[in-house]
Amino acid sequence: MRVSRALEVFELSGRPLSTFQAEHGFRSRRYAAQLVGVRWPAEELNRRIAARTRQLLAAGFIDEVIRLVALGYREARAMSSVGYRQVLQHVEGRLAQEELAPAIDRATKVFARRQRTWLRDENVLWFDSV
C-alpha cells in the first residue's frame, strides 16, 4: 500500500512523497496533546467486536457495499479496509454468509492488536474499563 500511495502522489504531483513529508514536519508535535485509551479485558473486547460486527450487518452493511460497487467504487482503497474487504468477498461469492461475521471479527481483532502495538511506544494515559 505504501508503494502504491507513493507512486500515486508522484503521478499526481510530479514530486516524491518524501518531499511532502519533509516539508510538513511530522517530526515535531505542533500541539501538546495527551493520548487517552481504554484498556479492555480480552474477553470483553472480543464480545464488543462481535456485537459491533453483528450490529453493522443488521444495519445494512452488505447493501452498502453492493451500492458502492454499483457506483463504481470497487477499486477504491477504502474497499480494502477492515469489514469492507470481507463484505466485498461475500458479495463476490468468495466468502459464505456463515463465514462473514467471523471473518470480520478476526480482521478487527488483528487491527486492534496492531493498534495496541503502535500505541505501546506512545505516551498514552490508559484507563481500565468499568
N, C-alpha and C. Protein backbone atom coordinates (compact mmCIF):
# COMPACT_ATOMS: atom_id res chain seq x y z
N MET A 1 0.82 -1.20 0.00
CA MET A 1 0.00 0.00 0.00
C MET A 1 0.86 1.26 0.00
N ARG A 2 1.93 1.25 0.76
CA ARG A 2 2.77 2.45 0.82
C ARG A 2 3.39 2.77 -0.52
N VAL A 3 3.82 1.75 -1.21
CA VAL A 3 4.43 1.97 -2.53
C VAL A 3 3.40 2.52 -3.50
N SER A 4 2.20 1.94 -3.49
CA SER A 4 1.17 2.43 -4.42
C SER A 4 0.79 3.87 -4.09
N ARG A 5 0.74 4.20 -2.81
CA ARG A 5 0.44 5.59 -2.42
C ARG A 5 1.55 6.53 -2.87
N ALA A 6 2.80 6.13 -2.69
CA ALA A 6 3.93 6.96 -3.11
C ALA A 6 3.91 7.17 -4.62
N LEU A 7 3.60 6.13 -5.37
CA LEU A 7 3.51 6.25 -6.83
C LEU A 7 2.35 7.16 -7.24
N GLU A 8 1.25 7.04 -6.52
CA GLU A 8 0.08 7.88 -6.81
C GLU A 8 0.42 9.36 -6.58
N VAL A 9 1.08 9.66 -5.48
CA VAL A 9 1.47 11.05 -5.18
C VAL A 9 2.40 11.58 -6.26
N PHE A 10 3.38 10.76 -6.65
CA PHE A 10 4.32 11.20 -7.68
C PHE A 10 3.61 11.43 -9.01
N GLU A 11 2.71 10.54 -9.37
CA GLU A 11 1.98 10.67 -10.63
C GLU A 11 1.14 11.94 -10.66
N LEU A 12 0.50 12.27 -9.53
CA LEU A 12 -0.38 13.44 -9.49
C LEU A 12 0.38 14.76 -9.35
N SER A 13 1.52 14.73 -8.66
CA SER A 13 2.20 15.98 -8.36
C SER A 13 3.53 16.16 -9.08
N GLY A 14 4.12 15.04 -9.53
CA GLY A 14 5.44 15.14 -10.13
C GLY A 14 6.56 15.22 -9.09
N ARG A 15 6.19 15.08 -7.82
CA ARG A 15 7.17 15.17 -6.73
C ARG A 15 7.10 13.90 -5.88
N PRO A 16 8.24 13.45 -5.37
CA PRO A 16 8.22 12.28 -4.48
C PRO A 16 7.49 12.58 -3.18
N LEU A 17 6.86 11.57 -2.64
CA LEU A 17 6.14 11.71 -1.37
C LEU A 17 7.05 12.21 -0.27
N SER A 18 8.31 11.80 -0.29
CA SER A 18 9.26 12.19 0.76
C SER A 18 9.44 13.71 0.83
N THR A 19 9.30 14.43 -0.29
CA THR A 19 9.44 15.89 -0.23
C THR A 19 8.27 16.51 0.52
N PHE A 20 7.08 15.97 0.34
CA PHE A 20 5.93 16.47 1.10
C PHE A 20 6.09 16.18 2.58
N GLN A 21 6.57 14.98 2.89
CA GLN A 21 6.75 14.61 4.29
C GLN A 21 7.80 15.49 4.96
N ALA A 22 8.89 15.80 4.25
CA ALA A 22 9.94 16.66 4.81
C ALA A 22 9.42 18.08 5.04
N GLU A 23 8.60 18.58 4.13
CA GLU A 23 8.05 19.93 4.27
C GLU A 23 7.06 20.03 5.41
N HIS A 24 6.31 18.97 5.61
CA HIS A 24 5.23 19.02 6.59
C HIS A 24 5.76 19.07 8.01
N GLY A 25 6.82 18.38 8.29
CA GLY A 25 7.41 18.41 9.62
C GLY A 25 6.70 17.56 10.65
N PHE A 26 6.36 16.34 10.30
CA PHE A 26 5.71 15.44 11.26
C PHE A 26 6.64 15.08 12.42
N ARG A 27 7.89 15.45 12.31
CA ARG A 27 8.86 15.04 13.32
C ARG A 27 8.63 15.74 14.66
N SER A 28 8.02 16.90 14.64
CA SER A 28 7.78 17.61 15.90
C SER A 28 6.28 17.85 16.07
N ARG A 29 5.85 17.79 17.30
CA ARG A 29 4.43 17.98 17.59
C ARG A 29 4.09 19.47 17.59
N ARG A 30 2.99 19.80 16.94
CA ARG A 30 2.55 21.20 16.89
C ARG A 30 1.80 21.58 18.15
N TYR A 31 1.11 20.60 18.75
CA TYR A 31 0.30 20.88 19.92
C TYR A 31 0.62 19.87 21.01
N ALA A 32 0.55 20.31 22.24
CA ALA A 32 0.73 19.38 23.36
C ALA A 32 -0.59 18.65 23.56
N ALA A 33 -0.62 17.42 23.18
CA ALA A 33 -1.85 16.63 23.28
C ALA A 33 -1.56 15.39 24.11
N GLN A 34 -2.57 14.90 24.77
CA GLN A 34 -2.44 13.69 25.57
C GLN A 34 -3.29 12.60 24.94
N LEU A 35 -2.67 11.48 24.57
CA LEU A 35 -3.42 10.34 24.08
C LEU A 35 -4.04 9.63 25.27
N VAL A 36 -5.30 9.28 25.13
CA VAL A 36 -6.04 8.60 26.19
C VAL A 36 -6.63 7.32 25.60
N GLY A 37 -6.55 6.24 26.35
CA GLY A 37 -7.07 4.97 25.86
C GLY A 37 -7.79 4.21 26.95
N VAL A 38 -8.66 3.31 26.53
CA VAL A 38 -9.39 2.43 27.46
C VAL A 38 -8.85 1.02 27.27
N ARG A 39 -8.42 0.42 28.36
CA ARG A 39 -7.90 -0.95 28.34
C ARG A 39 -9.04 -1.91 28.66
N TRP A 40 -9.37 -2.77 27.71
CA TRP A 40 -10.44 -3.74 27.89
C TRP A 40 -9.87 -5.12 28.13
N PRO A 41 -10.47 -5.91 29.01
CA PRO A 41 -10.08 -7.31 29.11
C PRO A 41 -10.35 -7.99 27.76
N ALA A 42 -9.51 -8.94 27.39
CA ALA A 42 -9.60 -9.58 26.07
C ALA A 42 -10.99 -10.14 25.79
N GLU A 43 -11.60 -10.81 26.79
CA GLU A 43 -12.92 -11.41 26.56
C GLU A 43 -13.96 -10.33 26.27
N GLU A 44 -13.89 -9.23 27.00
CA GLU A 44 -14.86 -8.15 26.80
C GLU A 44 -14.63 -7.47 25.45
N LEU A 45 -13.38 -7.25 25.09
CA LEU A 45 -13.08 -6.64 23.79
C LEU A 45 -13.61 -7.53 22.66
N ASN A 46 -13.37 -8.83 22.76
CA ASN A 46 -13.87 -9.76 21.74
C ASN A 46 -15.39 -9.75 21.67
N ARG A 47 -16.05 -9.68 22.82
CA ARG A 47 -17.51 -9.61 22.86
C ARG A 47 -17.99 -8.33 22.18
N ARG A 48 -17.34 -7.21 22.46
CA ARG A 48 -17.73 -5.92 21.88
C ARG A 48 -17.51 -5.90 20.37
N ILE A 49 -16.40 -6.50 19.92
CA ILE A 49 -16.13 -6.58 18.49
C ILE A 49 -17.21 -7.39 17.79
N ALA A 50 -17.55 -8.55 18.36
CA ALA A 50 -18.59 -9.40 17.76
C ALA A 50 -19.94 -8.69 17.74
N ALA A 51 -20.28 -7.99 18.81
CA ALA A 51 -21.56 -7.27 18.87
C ALA A 51 -21.60 -6.17 17.81
N ARG A 52 -20.50 -5.45 17.65
CA ARG A 52 -20.44 -4.37 16.67
C ARG A 52 -20.55 -4.93 15.25
N THR A 53 -19.90 -6.05 14.99
CA THR A 53 -19.99 -6.68 13.67
C THR A 53 -21.44 -7.03 13.36
N ARG A 54 -22.11 -7.68 14.29
CA ARG A 54 -23.50 -8.07 14.06
C ARG A 54 -24.40 -6.85 13.89
N GLN A 55 -24.12 -5.79 14.64
CA GLN A 55 -24.90 -4.55 14.52
C GLN A 55 -24.73 -3.95 13.12
N LEU A 56 -23.50 -3.90 12.62
CA LEU A 56 -23.25 -3.35 11.29
C LEU A 56 -23.94 -4.18 10.20
N LEU A 57 -23.86 -5.50 10.33
CA LEU A 57 -24.51 -6.36 9.34
C LEU A 57 -26.02 -6.19 9.37
N ALA A 58 -26.59 -6.08 10.56
CA ALA A 58 -28.04 -5.90 10.69
C ALA A 58 -28.49 -4.54 10.16
N ALA A 59 -27.59 -3.56 10.20
CA ALA A 59 -27.92 -2.21 9.76
C ALA A 59 -27.77 -2.02 8.25
N GLY A 60 -27.37 -3.08 7.52
CA GLY A 60 -27.31 -2.97 6.07
C GLY A 60 -25.92 -2.83 5.47
N PHE A 61 -24.90 -3.31 6.17
CA PHE A 61 -23.53 -3.22 5.69
C PHE A 61 -23.38 -3.87 4.31
N ILE A 62 -23.98 -5.02 4.11
CA ILE A 62 -23.88 -5.72 2.82
C ILE A 62 -24.50 -4.87 1.71
N ASP A 63 -25.67 -4.31 1.96
CA ASP A 63 -26.33 -3.46 0.95
C ASP A 63 -25.48 -2.23 0.64
N GLU A 64 -24.82 -1.69 1.66
CA GLU A 64 -23.96 -0.52 1.45
C GLU A 64 -22.82 -0.87 0.49
N VAL A 65 -22.20 -2.01 0.69
CA VAL A 65 -21.10 -2.42 -0.18
C VAL A 65 -21.61 -2.67 -1.60
N ILE A 66 -22.76 -3.29 -1.72
CA ILE A 66 -23.35 -3.52 -3.05
C ILE A 66 -23.58 -2.19 -3.76
N ARG A 67 -24.12 -1.20 -3.05
CA ARG A 67 -24.34 0.14 -3.64
C ARG A 67 -23.03 0.79 -4.06
N LEU A 68 -22.01 0.69 -3.20
CA LEU A 68 -20.71 1.30 -3.52
C LEU A 68 -20.10 0.66 -4.77
N VAL A 69 -20.20 -0.64 -4.88
CA VAL A 69 -19.69 -1.34 -6.08
C VAL A 69 -20.47 -0.87 -7.30
N ALA A 70 -21.80 -0.76 -7.19
CA ALA A 70 -22.63 -0.31 -8.31
C ALA A 70 -22.29 1.12 -8.73
N LEU A 71 -21.83 1.93 -7.78
CA LEU A 71 -21.44 3.32 -8.08
C LEU A 71 -20.03 3.42 -8.63
N GLY A 72 -19.33 2.29 -8.73
CA GLY A 72 -18.00 2.29 -9.33
C GLY A 72 -16.85 2.38 -8.35
N TYR A 73 -17.10 2.12 -7.08
CA TYR A 73 -16.05 2.23 -6.06
C TYR A 73 -15.38 0.90 -5.73
N ARG A 74 -15.53 -0.10 -6.57
CA ARG A 74 -14.97 -1.42 -6.29
C ARG A 74 -13.47 -1.36 -6.02
N GLU A 75 -12.75 -0.55 -6.74
CA GLU A 75 -11.29 -0.48 -6.62
C GLU A 75 -10.81 0.61 -5.67
N ALA A 76 -11.72 1.29 -5.00
CA ALA A 76 -11.32 2.34 -4.05
C ALA A 76 -10.54 1.72 -2.91
N ARG A 77 -9.56 2.44 -2.42
CA ARG A 77 -8.71 1.93 -1.34
C ARG A 77 -9.53 1.56 -0.11
N ALA A 78 -10.56 2.32 0.18
CA ALA A 78 -11.39 2.04 1.36
C ALA A 78 -12.05 0.67 1.29
N MET A 79 -12.25 0.16 0.10
CA MET A 79 -12.88 -1.16 -0.03
C MET A 79 -11.96 -2.28 0.43
N SER A 80 -10.71 -1.97 0.71
CA SER A 80 -9.80 -2.99 1.24
C SER A 80 -9.63 -2.86 2.74
N SER A 81 -10.41 -1.99 3.36
CA SER A 81 -10.29 -1.80 4.81
C SER A 81 -11.06 -2.89 5.55
N VAL A 82 -10.81 -2.97 6.86
CA VAL A 82 -11.42 -4.00 7.70
C VAL A 82 -12.95 -3.92 7.59
N GLY A 83 -13.56 -5.04 7.38
CA GLY A 83 -15.01 -5.12 7.25
C GLY A 83 -15.44 -5.02 5.80
N TYR A 84 -15.06 -3.94 5.13
CA TYR A 84 -15.43 -3.78 3.72
C TYR A 84 -14.80 -4.89 2.89
N ARG A 85 -13.55 -5.23 3.16
CA ARG A 85 -12.88 -6.29 2.40
C ARG A 85 -13.65 -7.61 2.52
N GLN A 86 -14.06 -7.94 3.74
CA GLN A 86 -14.76 -9.21 3.96
C GLN A 86 -16.15 -9.19 3.33
N VAL A 87 -16.87 -8.08 3.46
CA VAL A 87 -18.21 -8.00 2.86
C VAL A 87 -18.08 -8.07 1.33
N LEU A 88 -17.08 -7.42 0.78
CA LEU A 88 -16.87 -7.49 -0.67
C LEU A 88 -16.59 -8.93 -1.11
N GLN A 89 -15.79 -9.65 -0.33
CA GLN A 89 -15.55 -11.06 -0.66
C GLN A 89 -16.86 -11.84 -0.64
N HIS A 90 -17.72 -11.54 0.32
CA HIS A 90 -19.02 -12.21 0.40
C HIS A 90 -19.89 -11.85 -0.81
N VAL A 91 -19.97 -10.57 -1.13
CA VAL A 91 -20.79 -10.11 -2.26
C VAL A 91 -20.33 -10.74 -3.56
N GLU A 92 -19.03 -10.93 -3.70
CA GLU A 92 -18.47 -11.52 -4.92
C GLU A 92 -18.48 -13.05 -4.89
N GLY A 93 -19.06 -13.63 -3.83
CA GLY A 93 -19.19 -15.08 -3.76
C GLY A 93 -17.95 -15.82 -3.29
N ARG A 94 -16.99 -15.10 -2.73
CA ARG A 94 -15.76 -15.74 -2.27
C ARG A 94 -15.76 -16.04 -0.78
N LEU A 95 -16.83 -15.63 -0.08
CA LEU A 95 -16.95 -15.85 1.36
C LEU A 95 -18.41 -16.15 1.67
N ALA A 96 -18.66 -17.31 2.25
CA ALA A 96 -20.04 -17.73 2.54
C ALA A 96 -20.65 -16.86 3.64
N GLN A 97 -21.97 -16.76 3.64
CA GLN A 97 -22.70 -15.96 4.62
C GLN A 97 -22.31 -16.32 6.06
N GLU A 98 -22.22 -17.62 6.34
CA GLU A 98 -21.92 -18.04 7.72
C GLU A 98 -20.47 -17.76 8.11
N GLU A 99 -19.62 -17.49 7.14
CA GLU A 99 -18.22 -17.17 7.42
C GLU A 99 -17.98 -15.67 7.53
N LEU A 100 -18.96 -14.86 7.13
CA LEU A 100 -18.77 -13.42 7.04
C LEU A 100 -18.50 -12.77 8.39
N ALA A 101 -19.39 -12.92 9.35
CA ALA A 101 -19.21 -12.27 10.65
C ALA A 101 -17.92 -12.73 11.34
N PRO A 102 -17.62 -14.04 11.38
CA PRO A 102 -16.35 -14.45 11.99
C PRO A 102 -15.12 -13.86 11.28
N ALA A 103 -15.19 -13.72 9.95
CA ALA A 103 -14.07 -13.15 9.20
C ALA A 103 -13.87 -11.68 9.56
N ILE A 104 -14.97 -10.94 9.67
CA ILE A 104 -14.88 -9.53 10.08
C ILE A 104 -14.33 -9.44 11.50
N ASP A 105 -14.82 -10.29 12.39
CA ASP A 105 -14.32 -10.29 13.77
C ASP A 105 -12.82 -10.52 13.81
N ARG A 106 -12.33 -11.53 13.07
CA ARG A 106 -10.89 -11.84 13.05
C ARG A 106 -10.08 -10.65 12.53
N ALA A 107 -10.52 -10.06 11.45
CA ALA A 107 -9.80 -8.92 10.87
C ALA A 107 -9.78 -7.74 11.84
N THR A 108 -10.88 -7.54 12.55
CA THR A 108 -10.95 -6.44 13.52
C THR A 108 -10.01 -6.70 14.69
N LYS A 109 -9.94 -7.94 15.14
CA LYS A 109 -9.03 -8.29 16.25
C LYS A 109 -7.57 -8.08 15.83
N VAL A 110 -7.23 -8.44 14.61
CA VAL A 110 -5.87 -8.22 14.11
C VAL A 110 -5.57 -6.73 14.07
N PHE A 111 -6.53 -5.93 13.59
CA PHE A 111 -6.35 -4.49 13.52
C PHE A 111 -6.17 -3.90 14.92
N ALA A 112 -6.98 -4.35 15.88
CA ALA A 112 -6.88 -3.86 17.26
C ALA A 112 -5.52 -4.21 17.85
N ARG A 113 -5.01 -5.40 17.54
CA ARG A 113 -3.70 -5.81 18.03
C ARG A 113 -2.61 -4.91 17.44
N ARG A 114 -2.72 -4.58 16.16
CA ARG A 114 -1.74 -3.67 15.53
C ARG A 114 -1.81 -2.29 16.18
N GLN A 115 -3.01 -1.83 16.51
CA GLN A 115 -3.13 -0.53 17.18
C GLN A 115 -2.44 -0.57 18.54
N ARG A 116 -2.67 -1.65 19.30
CA ARG A 116 -2.02 -1.76 20.61
C ARG A 116 -0.51 -1.77 20.47
N THR A 117 0.00 -2.45 19.47
CA THR A 117 1.45 -2.49 19.24
C THR A 117 1.97 -1.09 18.94
N TRP A 118 1.27 -0.36 18.08
CA TRP A 118 1.69 1.00 17.73
C TRP A 118 1.65 1.90 18.96
N LEU A 119 0.61 1.77 19.76
CA LEU A 119 0.45 2.64 20.94
C LEU A 119 1.41 2.29 22.06
N ARG A 120 2.02 1.12 22.00
CA ARG A 120 2.97 0.71 23.03
C ARG A 120 4.11 1.71 23.17
N ASP A 121 4.52 2.33 22.06
CA ASP A 121 5.63 3.27 22.06
C ASP A 121 5.18 4.73 22.21
N GLU A 122 3.90 4.93 22.44
CA GLU A 122 3.37 6.29 22.60
C GLU A 122 3.08 6.56 24.07
N ASN A 123 3.03 7.83 24.41
CA ASN A 123 2.70 8.24 25.77
C ASN A 123 1.18 8.28 25.90
N VAL A 124 0.59 7.16 26.33
CA VAL A 124 -0.86 7.04 26.42
C VAL A 124 -1.25 6.97 27.89
N LEU A 125 -2.27 7.73 28.26
CA LEU A 125 -2.86 7.63 29.59
C LEU A 125 -3.95 6.58 29.51
N TRP A 126 -3.70 5.40 30.07
CA TRP A 126 -4.62 4.28 29.97
C TRP A 126 -5.57 4.24 31.16
N PHE A 127 -6.83 3.96 30.86
CA PHE A 127 -7.85 3.74 31.89
C PHE A 127 -8.38 2.33 31.73
N ASP A 128 -8.61 1.67 32.85
CA ASP A 128 -9.24 0.36 32.79
C ASP A 128 -10.73 0.55 32.55
N SER A 129 -11.33 -0.37 31.80
CA SER A 129 -12.77 -0.28 31.53
C SER A 129 -13.52 -0.55 32.82
N VAL A 130 -14.74 -0.07 32.85
CA VAL A 130 -15.56 -0.26 34.06
C VAL A 130 -16.47 -1.46 33.94
